[in-house]
Amino acid sequence: MTKEDSPENKMEYGSTVGSVTNLGFSTYDRILFENLTFSIRSGEVTAITGKSGSGKTVILKILAGAEIPEAGNVNIQSKKIVMCPKNWMI
């Protein structure tokens, strides 16, 4: 049995592997989204849809840690990713 096949590395179908709570992000001239909350579950397909410029790529960048939201929390596999406000250096 390889490490990848071990029981502790297997997730139960439908179990939550990630969650986003009250996420908020805006550009210099408009709010892209606020109070965005959703969960990502093992074995399920999650789609992010919307018009051009609505913030789909920003959500993916936040999930990847490449962008910092103005508000909210992101948890991936029960590990909280700490977020700072965009103006934390001001």
Protein backbone atom coordinates (compact mmCIF):
# COMPACT_ATOMS: atom_id res chain seq x y z
CA MET A 1 0.00 0.00 0.00
CA THR A 2 1.41 3.39 -1.00
CA LYS A 3 1.12 6.51 1.12
CA GLU A 4 -1.51 7.86 -1.32
CA ASP A 5 -3.64 4.71 -0.86
CA SER A 6 -3.57 4.78 2.93
CA PRO A 7 -6.95 5.20 4.68
CA GLU A 8 -5.98 8.51 6.33
CA ASN A 9 -5.46 10.08 2.87
CA LYS A 10 -8.89 9.03 1.57
CA MET A 11 -11.71 11.55 1.89
CA GLU A 12 -15.29 10.40 2.18
CA TYR A 13 -17.47 11.32 -0.81
CA GLY A 14 -19.37 14.50 -0.07
CA SER A 15 -17.21 15.59 2.86
CA THR A 16 -16.29 19.27 2.91
CA VAL A 17 -12.74 19.89 1.69
CA GLY A 18 -12.97 23.66 1.50
CA SER A 19 -15.20 26.53 2.53
CA VAL A 20 -15.48 30.24 1.89
CA THR A 21 -17.32 32.46 4.36
CA ASN A 22 -18.40 36.09 3.88
CA LEU A 23 -15.78 36.77 1.20
CA GLY A 24 -15.62 40.31 -0.12
CA PHE A 25 -13.59 41.99 -2.86
CA SER A 26 -13.81 45.26 -4.75
CA THR A 27 -11.77 47.14 -7.32
CA TYR A 28 -11.01 50.83 -7.23
CA ASP A 29 -14.40 51.65 -8.75
CA ARG A 30 -16.86 48.83 -7.91
CA ILE A 31 -17.73 45.94 -5.61
CA LEU A 32 -17.16 42.58 -7.33
CA PHE A 33 -18.73 40.49 -4.56
CA GLU A 34 -19.54 40.70 -0.87
CA ASN A 35 -20.70 38.14 1.72
CA LEU A 36 -19.89 35.29 -0.71
CA THR A 37 -20.23 31.94 1.09
CA PHE A 38 -19.93 28.42 -0.33
CA SER A 39 -18.45 24.96 0.34
CA ILE A 40 -16.46 22.60 -1.86
CA ARG A 41 -17.14 18.89 -1.31
CA SER A 42 -15.12 15.80 -2.16
CA GLY A 43 -16.24 14.04 -5.33
CA GLU A 44 -18.44 16.90 -6.53
CA VAL A 45 -17.90 19.33 -9.38
CA THR A 46 -18.01 23.02 -8.49
CA ALA A 47 -18.47 25.67 -11.18
CA ILE A 48 -17.96 29.41 -10.92
CA THR A 49 -20.04 31.18 -13.54
CA GLY A 50 -20.77 34.81 -14.32
CA LYS A 51 -20.39 37.63 -16.79
CA SER A 52 -17.03 38.91 -17.96
CA GLY A 53 -15.48 41.05 -15.22
CA SER A 54 -17.72 39.70 -12.46
CA GLY A 55 -14.87 38.32 -10.33
CA LYS A 56 -14.59 34.64 -11.29
CA THR A 57 -10.81 34.75 -11.72
CA VAL A 58 -10.43 36.80 -8.54
CA ILE A 59 -12.22 34.05 -6.57
CA LEU A 60 -9.84 31.43 -8.00
CA LYS A 61 -6.83 33.63 -7.18
CA ILE A 62 -8.07 34.04 -3.60
CA LEU A 63 -8.50 30.27 -3.26
CA ALA A 64 -4.95 29.79 -4.58
CA GLY A 65 -3.55 32.42 -2.19
CA ALA A 66 -2.48 34.73 -5.03
CA GLU A 67 -4.93 37.52 -4.11
CA ILE A 68 -6.00 38.99 -0.78
CA PRO A 69 -9.70 39.64 -0.19
CA GLU A 70 -11.03 42.63 1.72
CA ALA A 71 -13.16 40.44 3.99
CA GLY A 72 -13.96 36.84 4.76
CA ASN A 73 -12.34 33.51 5.54
CA VAL A 74 -11.08 30.65 3.37
CA ASN A 75 -10.57 27.16 4.82
CA ILE A 76 -8.95 24.40 2.78
CA GLN A 77 -8.91 20.87 4.26
CA SER A 78 -9.68 22.22 7.76
CA LYS A 79 -6.76 24.69 7.64
CA LYS A 80 -7.68 28.34 7.92
CA ILE A 81 -5.94 30.57 5.44
CA VAL A 82 -5.46 33.84 7.30
CA MET A 83 -6.61 36.87 5.37
CA CYS A 84 -5.55 40.48 5.81
CA PRO A 85 -7.42 43.55 4.64
CA LYS A 86 -5.97 45.04 1.45
CA ASN A 87 -5.09 48.26 3.26
CA TRP A 88 -3.18 46.57 6.07
CA MET A 89 0.04 48.40 5.09
CA ILE A 90 -1.50 51.90 5.17
